[in-house]
Amino acid sequence: MSVSPIRKFALALGLFSVVYGVSFFVAVLVCGFVGVLLKTSDAWVYFWIGAPLSVVLTLYWTVSQWRYVKDFVAGRREC
């Protein structure tokens, strides 16, 4: 069974969005914790810690689970 390129793109974009959303949520939690520890609510905590952390978490999950990502985008159901 072949998956059309448009569907592959939609599946990849959807999976990336979910992974990035969860990574962003975790990064915001970490930033809140760091903000409490440093007793600050300044935006630099989110810019300098949260943004890079969300990207790193997204890349880590995508690279570490690459076989699942390939199977998901290819439309295989046994993943």
PDB file of N, CA and C in Angstrom:
ATOM      1  N   MET A   1       0.838  -1.170   0.000  1.00  0.00           N
ATOM      2  CA  MET A   1       0.000   0.000   0.000  1.00  0.00           C
ATOM      3  C   MET A   1       0.892   1.246   0.000  1.00  0.00           C
ATOM      4  N   SER A   2       0.692   2.070  -0.977  1.00  0.00           N
ATOM      5  CA  SER A   2       1.505   3.270  -1.114  1.00  0.00           C
ATOM      6  C   SER A   2       0.746   4.478  -0.574  1.00  0.00           C
ATOM      7  N   VAL A   3       1.467   5.317   0.115  1.00  0.00           N
ATOM      8  CA  VAL A   3       0.881   6.522   0.693  1.00  0.00           C
ATOM      9  C   VAL A   3       1.247   7.709  -0.201  1.00  0.00           C
ATOM     10  N   SER A   4       0.271   8.543  -0.498  1.00  0.00           N
ATOM     11  CA  SER A   4       0.528   9.682  -1.374  1.00  0.00           C
ATOM     12  C   SER A   4       1.462  10.677  -0.676  1.00  0.00           C
ATOM     13  N   PRO A   5       2.219  11.431  -1.471  1.00  0.00           N
ATOM     14  CA  PRO A   5       3.152  12.408  -0.889  1.00  0.00           C
ATOM     15  C   PRO A   5       2.456  13.476  -0.046  1.00  0.00           C
ATOM     16  N   ILE A   6       1.252  13.857  -0.429  1.00  0.00           N
ATOM     17  CA  ILE A   6       0.522  14.860   0.344  1.00  0.00           C
ATOM     18  C   ILE A   6       0.151  14.292   1.710  1.00  0.00           C
ATOM     19  N   ARG A   7      -0.274  13.038   1.730  1.00  0.00           N
ATOM     20  CA  ARG A   7      -0.616  12.412   3.017  1.00  0.00           C
ATOM     21  C   ARG A   7       0.626  12.224   3.881  1.00  0.00           C
ATOM     22  N   LYS A   8       1.758  11.851   3.252  1.00  0.00           N
ATOM     23  CA  LYS A   8       3.006  11.719   4.018  1.00  0.00           C
ATOM     24  C   LYS A   8       3.385  13.049   4.663  1.00  0.00           C
ATOM     25  N   PHE A   9       3.259  14.131   3.883  1.00  0.00           N
ATOM     26  CA  PHE A   9       3.573  15.447   4.420  1.00  0.00           C
ATOM     27  C   PHE A   9       2.647  15.806   5.571  1.00  0.00           C
ATOM     28  N   ALA A  10       1.353  15.521   5.400  1.00  0.00           N
ATOM     29  CA  ALA A  10       0.383  15.829   6.460  1.00  0.00           C
ATOM     30  C   ALA A  10       0.677  15.009   7.718  1.00  0.00           C
ATOM     31  N   LEU A  11       1.000  13.727   7.563  1.00  0.00           N
ATOM     32  CA  LEU A  11       1.335  12.884   8.713  1.00  0.00           C
ATOM     33  C   LEU A  11       2.607  13.373   9.405  1.00  0.00           C
ATOM     34  N   ALA A  12       3.620  13.719   8.619  1.00  0.00           N
ATOM     35  CA  ALA A  12       4.874  14.203   9.197  1.00  0.00           C
ATOM     36  C   ALA A  12       4.658  15.523   9.928  1.00  0.00           C
ATOM     37  N   LEU A  13       3.898  16.423   9.332  1.00  0.00           N
ATOM     38  CA  LEU A  13       3.625  17.712   9.963  1.00  0.00           C
ATOM     39  C   LEU A  13       2.814  17.532  11.244  1.00  0.00           C
ATOM     40  N   GLY A  14       1.830  16.647  11.206  1.00  0.00           N
ATOM     41  CA  GLY A  14       1.028  16.385  12.398  1.00  0.00           C
ATOM     42  C   GLY A  14       1.843  15.785  13.528  1.00  0.00           C
ATOM     43  N   LEU A  15       2.684  14.799  13.204  1.00  0.00           N
ATOM     44  CA  LEU A  15       3.533  14.178  14.224  1.00  0.00           C
ATOM     45  C   LEU A  15       4.521  15.182  14.796  1.00  0.00           C
ATOM     46  N   PHE A  16       5.124  15.994  13.924  1.00  0.00           N
ATOM     47  CA  PHE A  16       6.054  17.016  14.395  1.00  0.00           C
ATOM     48  C   PHE A  16       5.349  18.017  15.305  1.00  0.00           C
ATOM     49  N   SER A  17       4.138  18.397  14.947  1.00  0.00           N
ATOM     50  CA  SER A  17       3.389  19.368  15.763  1.00  0.00           C
ATOM     51  C   SER A  17       3.094  18.818  17.148  1.00  0.00           C
ATOM     52  N   VAL A  18       2.703  17.557  17.219  1.00  0.00           N
ATOM     53  CA  VAL A  18       2.409  16.947  18.517  1.00  0.00           C
ATOM     54  C   VAL A  18       3.679  16.844  19.355  1.00  0.00           C
ATOM     55  N   VAL A  19       4.759  16.388  18.740  1.00  0.00           N
ATOM     56  CA  VAL A  19       6.025  16.238  19.465  1.00  0.00           C
ATOM     57  C   VAL A  19       6.528  17.593  19.943  1.00  0.00           C
ATOM     58  N   TYR A  20       6.449  18.609  19.076  1.00  0.00           N
ATOM     59  CA  TYR A  20       6.911  19.932  19.483  1.00  0.00           C
ATOM     60  C   TYR A  20       6.008  20.521  20.568  1.00  0.00           C
ATOM     61  N   GLY A  21       4.710  20.273  20.472  1.00  0.00           N
ATOM     62  CA  GLY A  21       3.796  20.772  21.498  1.00  0.00           C
ATOM     63  C   GLY A  21       4.094  20.186  22.866  1.00  0.00           C
ATOM     64  N   VAL A  22       4.332  18.891  22.914  1.00  0.00           N
ATOM     65  CA  VAL A  22       4.661  18.247  24.191  1.00  0.00           C
ATOM     66  C   VAL A  22       6.015  18.743  24.694  1.00  0.00           C
ATOM     67  N   SER A  23       6.981  18.884  23.794  1.00  0.00           N
ATOM     68  CA  SER A  23       8.301  19.389  24.192  1.00  0.00           C
ATOM     69  C   SER A  23       8.207  20.815  24.711  1.00  0.00           C
ATOM     70  N   PHE A  24       7.386  21.634  24.072  1.00  0.00           N
ATOM     71  CA  PHE A  24       7.200  23.012  24.521  1.00  0.00           C
ATOM     72  C   PHE A  24       6.556  23.047  25.906  1.00  0.00           C
ATOM     73  N   PHE A  25       5.582  22.172  26.123  1.00  0.00           N
ATOM     74  CA  PHE A  25       4.925  22.099  27.434  1.00  0.00           C
ATOM     75  C   PHE A  25       5.933  21.736  28.528  1.00  0.00           C
ATOM     76  N   VAL A  26       6.764  20.740  28.256  1.00  0.00           N
ATOM     77  CA  VAL A  26       7.784  20.340  29.233  1.00  0.00           C
ATOM     78  C   VAL A  26       8.778  21.482  29.459  1.00  0.00           C
ATOM     79  N   ALA A  27       9.151  22.167  28.393  1.00  0.00           N
ATOM     80  CA  ALA A  27      10.091  23.289  28.525  1.00  0.00           C
ATOM     81  C   ALA A  27       9.495  24.424  29.349  1.00  0.00           C
ATOM     82  N   VAL A  28       8.213  24.691  29.185  1.00  0.00           N
ATOM     83  CA  VAL A  28       7.564  25.737  29.979  1.00  0.00           C
ATOM     84  C   VAL A  28       7.530  25.336  31.454  1.00  0.00           C
ATOM     85  N   LEU A  29       7.279  24.069  31.731  1.00  0.00           N
ATOM     86  CA  LEU A  29       7.316  23.597  33.118  1.00  0.00           C
ATOM     87  C   LEU A  29       8.714  23.778  33.721  1.00  0.00           C
ATOM     88  N   VAL A  30       9.732  23.426  32.955  1.00  0.00           N
ATOM     89  CA  VAL A  30      11.106  23.584  33.439  1.00  0.00           C
ATOM     90  C   VAL A  30      11.424  25.063  33.667  1.00  0.00           C
ATOM     91  N   CYS A  31      10.975  25.920  32.746  1.00  0.00           N
ATOM     92  CA  CYS A  31      11.210  27.364  32.902  1.00  0.00           C
ATOM     93  C   CYS A  31      10.499  27.913  34.133  1.00  0.00           C
ATOM     94  N   GLY A  32       9.303  27.436  34.376  1.00  0.00           N
ATOM     95  CA  GLY A  32       8.599  27.869  35.583  1.00  0.00           C
ATOM     96  C   GLY A  32       9.346  27.464  36.836  1.00  0.00           C
ATOM     97  N   PHE A  33       9.877  26.256  36.836  1.00  0.00           N
ATOM     98  CA  PHE A  33      10.644  25.778  37.975  1.00  0.00           C
ATOM     99  C   PHE A  33      11.916  26.600  38.165  1.00  0.00           C
ATOM    100  N   VAL A  34      12.620  26.874  37.054  1.00  0.00           N
ATOM    101  CA  VAL A  34      13.840  27.691  37.130  1.00  0.00           C
ATOM    102  C   VAL A  34      13.501  29.105  37.587  1.00  0.00           C
ATOM    103  N   GLY A  35      12.390  29.642  37.104  1.00  0.00           N
ATOM    104  CA  GLY A  35      11.968  30.972  37.532  1.00  0.00           C
ATOM    105  C   GLY A  35      11.682  31.045  39.016  1.00  0.00           C
ATOM    106  N   VAL A  36      11.076  29.988  39.543  1.00  0.00           N
ATOM    107  CA  VAL A  36      10.817  29.940  40.984  1.00  0.00           C
ATOM    108  C   VAL A  36      12.129  29.843  41.761  1.00  0.00           C
ATOM    109  N   LEU A  37      13.034  29.017  41.269  1.00  0.00           N
ATOM    110  CA  LEU A  37      14.327  28.888  41.950  1.00  0.00           C
ATOM    111  C   LEU A  37      15.102  30.194  41.946  1.00  0.00           C
ATOM    112  N   LEU A  38      15.040  30.931  40.833  1.00  0.00           N
ATOM    113  CA  LEU A  38      15.768  32.196  40.730  1.00  0.00           C
ATOM    114  C   LEU A  38      14.958  33.392  41.219  1.00  0.00           C
ATOM    115  N   LYS A  39      13.719  33.133  41.623  1.00  0.00           N
ATOM    116  CA  LYS A  39      12.808  34.178  42.124  1.00  0.00           C
ATOM    117  C   LYS A  39      12.643  35.316  41.113  1.00  0.00           C
ATOM    118  N   THR A  40      12.361  34.926  39.868  1.00  0.00           N
ATOM    119  CA  THR A  40      12.149  35.902  38.807  1.00  0.00           C
ATOM    120  C   THR A  40      11.020  35.434  37.891  1.00  0.00           C
ATOM    121  N   SER A  41      10.362  36.375  37.263  1.00  0.00           N
ATOM    122  CA  SER A  41       9.349  36.045  36.264  1.00  0.00           C
ATOM    123  C   SER A  41       9.656  36.764  34.959  1.00  0.00           C
ATOM    124  N   ASP A  42      10.913  37.092  34.765  1.00  0.00           N
ATOM    125  CA  ASP A  42      11.333  37.804  33.563  1.00  0.00           C
ATOM    126  C   ASP A  42      11.252  36.897  32.333  1.00  0.00           C
ATOM    127  N   ALA A  43      11.114  37.517  31.189  1.00  0.00           N
ATOM    128  CA  ALA A  43      10.961  36.778  29.939  1.00  0.00           C
ATOM    129  C   ALA A  43      12.254  36.081  29.505  1.00  0.00           C
ATOM    130  N   TRP A  44      13.391  36.528  30.013  1.00  0.00           N
ATOM    131  CA  TRP A  44      14.638  35.909  29.575  1.00  0.00           C
ATOM    132  C   TRP A  44      14.701  34.436  29.940  1.00  0.00           C
ATOM    133  N   VAL A  45      14.040  34.048  31.004  1.00  0.00           N
ATOM    134  CA  VAL A  45      14.037  32.636  31.397  1.00  0.00           C
ATOM    135  C   VAL A  45      13.405  31.793  30.293  1.00  0.00           C
ATOM    136  N   TYR A  46      12.320  32.293  29.736  1.00  0.00           N
ATOM    137  CA  TYR A  46      11.635  31.545  28.674  1.00  0.00           C
ATOM    138  C   TYR A  46      12.398  31.623  27.360  1.00  0.00           C
ATOM    139  N   PHE A  47      13.014  32.773  27.061  1.00  0.00           N
ATOM    140  CA  PHE A  47      13.753  32.908  25.809  1.00  0.00           C
ATOM    141  C   PHE A  47      15.045  32.103  25.807  1.00  0.00           C
ATOM    142  N   TRP A  48      15.794  32.185  26.889  1.00  0.00           N
ATOM    143  CA  TRP A  48      17.109  31.566  26.911  1.00  0.00           C
ATOM    144  C   TRP A  48      17.121  30.119  27.392  1.00  0.00           C
ATOM    145  N   ILE A  49      16.085  29.695  28.078  1.00  0.00           N
ATOM    146  CA  ILE A  49      16.025  28.304  28.547  1.00  0.00           C
ATOM    147  C   ILE A  49      14.929  27.535  27.826  1.00  0.00           C
ATOM    148  N   GLY A  50      13.740  28.102  27.768  1.00  0.00           N
ATOM    149  CA  GLY A  50      12.593  27.379  27.216  1.00  0.00           C
ATOM    150  C   GLY A  50      12.654  27.111  25.732  1.00  0.00           C
ATOM    151  N   ALA A  51      13.002  28.121  24.952  1.00  0.00           N
ATOM    152  CA  ALA A  51      13.031  27.943  23.499  1.00  0.00           C
ATOM    153  C   ALA A  51      14.069  26.906  23.064  1.00  0.00           C
ATOM    154  N   PRO A  52      15.329  27.011  23.506  1.00  0.00           N
ATOM    155  CA  PRO A  52      16.295  25.982  23.106  1.00  0.00           C
ATOM    156  C   PRO A  52      15.939  24.597  23.658  1.00  0.00           C
ATOM    157  N   LEU A  53      15.406  24.547  24.859  1.00  0.00           N
ATOM    158  CA  LEU A  53      15.062  23.259  25.448  1.00  0.00           C
ATOM    159  C   LEU A  53      13.950  22.568  24.663  1.00  0.00           C
ATOM    160  N   SER A  54      12.969  23.314  24.201  1.00  0.00           N
ATOM    161  CA  SER A  54      11.890  22.701  23.428  1.00  0.00           C
ATOM    162  C   SER A  54      12.416  22.144  22.102  1.00  0.00           C
ATOM    163  N   VAL A  55      13.334  22.855  21.461  1.00  0.00           N
ATOM    164  CA  VAL A  55      13.919  22.365  20.206  1.00  0.00           C
ATOM    165  C   VAL A  55      14.774  21.126  20.462  1.00  0.00           C
ATOM    166  N   VAL A  56      15.565  21.150  21.516  1.00  0.00           N
ATOM    167  CA  VAL A  56      16.427  20.000  21.842  1.00  0.00           C
ATOM    168  C   VAL A  56      15.584  18.772  22.174  1.00  0.00           C
ATOM    169  N   LEU A  57      14.525  18.947  22.943  1.00  0.00           N
ATOM    170  CA  LEU A  57      13.660  17.808  23.270  1.00  0.00           C
ATOM    171  C   LEU A  57      12.976  17.247  22.024  1.00  0.00           C
ATOM    172  N   THR A  58      12.550  18.108  21.121  1.00  0.00           N
ATOM    173  CA  THR A  58      11.920  17.649  19.883  1.00  0.00           C
ATOM    174  C   THR A  58      12.913  16.864  19.034  1.00  0.00           C
ATOM    175  N   LEU A  59      14.113  17.400  18.879  1.00  0.00           N
ATOM    176  CA  LEU A  59      15.122  16.691  18.096  1.00  0.00           C
ATOM    177  C   LEU A  59      15.523  15.374  18.749  1.00  0.00           C
ATOM    178  N   TYR A  60      15.652  15.375  20.065  1.00  0.00           N
ATOM    179  CA  TYR A  60      16.020  14.146  20.769  1.00  0.00           C
ATOM    180  C   TYR A  60      14.977  13.053  20.550  1.00  0.00           C
ATOM    181  N   TRP A  61      13.698  13.389  20.709  1.00  0.00           N
ATOM    182  CA  TRP A  61      12.663  12.371  20.553  1.00  0.00           C
ATOM    183  C   TRP A  61      12.598  11.893  19.109  1.00  0.00           C
ATOM    184  N   THR A  62      12.694  12.813  18.169  1.00  0.00           N
ATOM    185  CA  THR A  62      12.599  12.435  16.758  1.00  0.00           C
ATOM    186  C   THR A  62      13.766  11.546  16.346  1.00  0.00           C
ATOM    187  N   VAL A  63      14.975  11.873  16.762  1.00  0.00           N
ATOM    188  CA  VAL A  63      16.144  11.075  16.395  1.00  0.00           C
ATOM    189  C   VAL A  63      16.144   9.740  17.130  1.00  0.00           C
ATOM    190  N   SER A  64      15.789   9.736  18.397  1.00  0.00           N
ATOM    191  CA  SER A  64      15.829   8.484  19.160  1.00  0.00           C
ATOM    192  C   SER A  64      14.719   7.525  18.748  1.00  0.00           C
ATOM    193  N   GLN A  65      13.625   8.026  18.212  1.00  0.00           N
ATOM    194  CA  GLN A  65      12.514   7.179  17.777  1.00  0.00           C
ATOM    195  C   GLN A  65      12.348   7.229  16.253  1.00  0.00           C
ATOM    196  N   TRP A  66      13.450   7.322  15.531  1.00  0.00           N
ATOM    197  CA  TRP A  66      13.389   7.511  14.089  1.00  0.00           C
ATOM    198  C   TRP A  66      12.669   6.374  13.374  1.00  0.00           C
ATOM    199  N   ARG A  67      12.823   5.136  13.836  1.00  0.00           N
ATOM    200  CA  ARG A  67      12.148   4.005  13.198  1.00  0.00           C
ATOM    201  C   ARG A  67      10.633   4.153  13.299  1.00  0.00           C
ATOM    202  N   TYR A  68      10.152   4.588  14.452  1.00  0.00           N
ATOM    203  CA  TYR A  68       8.721   4.828  14.621  1.00  0.00           C
ATOM    204  C   TYR A  68       8.241   5.953  13.698  1.00  0.00           C
ATOM    205  N   VAL A  69       9.028   7.013  13.597  1.00  0.00           N
ATOM    206  CA  VAL A  69       8.646   8.142  12.738  1.00  0.00           C
ATOM    207  C   VAL A  69       8.534   7.683  11.290  1.00  0.00           C
ATOM    208  N   LYS A  70       9.512   6.915  10.801  1.00  0.00           N
ATOM    209  CA  LYS A  70       9.463   6.413   9.428  1.00  0.00           C
ATOM    210  C   LYS A  70       8.248   5.523   9.204  1.00  0.00           C
ATOM    211  N   ASP A  71       7.973   4.614  10.130  1.00  0.00           N
ATOM    212  CA  ASP A  71       6.819   3.724   9.992  1.00  0.00           C
ATOM    213  C   ASP A  71       5.508   4.498  10.042  1.00  0.00           C
ATOM    214  N   PHE A  72       5.421   5.492  10.896  1.00  0.00           N
ATOM    215  CA  PHE A  72       4.201   6.302  11.015  1.00  0.00           C
ATOM    216  C   PHE A  72       3.923   7.068   9.729  1.00  0.00           C
ATOM    217  N   VAL A  73       4.960   7.697   9.180  1.00  0.00           N
ATOM    218  CA  VAL A  73       4.782   8.479   7.958  1.00  0.00           C
ATOM    219  C   VAL A  73       4.507   7.572   6.762  1.00  0.00           C
ATOM    220  N   ALA A  74       5.082   6.366   6.762  1.00  0.00           N
ATOM    221  CA  ALA A  74       4.860   5.434   5.662  1.00  0.00           C
ATOM    222  C   ALA A  74       3.470   4.811   5.724  1.00  0.00           C
ATOM    223  N   GLY A  75       2.762   4.981   6.822  1.00  0.00           N
ATOM    224  CA  GLY A  75       1.412   4.452   6.937  1.00  0.00           C
ATOM    225  C   GLY A  75       1.330   3.032   7.454  1.00  0.00           C
ATOM    226  N   ARG A  76       2.426   2.528   8.003  1.00  0.00           N
ATOM    227  CA  ARG A  76       2.403   1.168   8.544  1.00  0.00           C
ATOM    228  C   ARG A  76       1.672   1.175   9.878  1.00  0.00           C
ATOM    229  N   ARG A  77       0.847   0.199  10.090  1.00  0.00           N
ATOM    230  CA  ARG A  77       0.005   0.169  11.292  1.00  0.00           C
ATOM    231  C   ARG A  77       0.619  -0.627  12.438  1.00  0.00           C
ATOM    232  N   GLU A  78       1.669  -1.408  12.187  1.00  0.00           N
ATOM    233  CA  GLU A  78       2.237  -2.221  13.260  1.00  0.00           C
ATOM    234  C   GLU A  78       3.219  -1.454  14.136  1.00  0.00           C
ATOM    235  N   CYS A  79       3.338  -0.145  13.959  1.00  0.00           N
ATOM    236  CA  CYS A  79       4.231   0.644  14.815  1.00  0.00           C
ATOM    237  C   CYS A  79       3.440   1.059  16.011  1.00  0.00           C
TER     238      CYS A  79
END
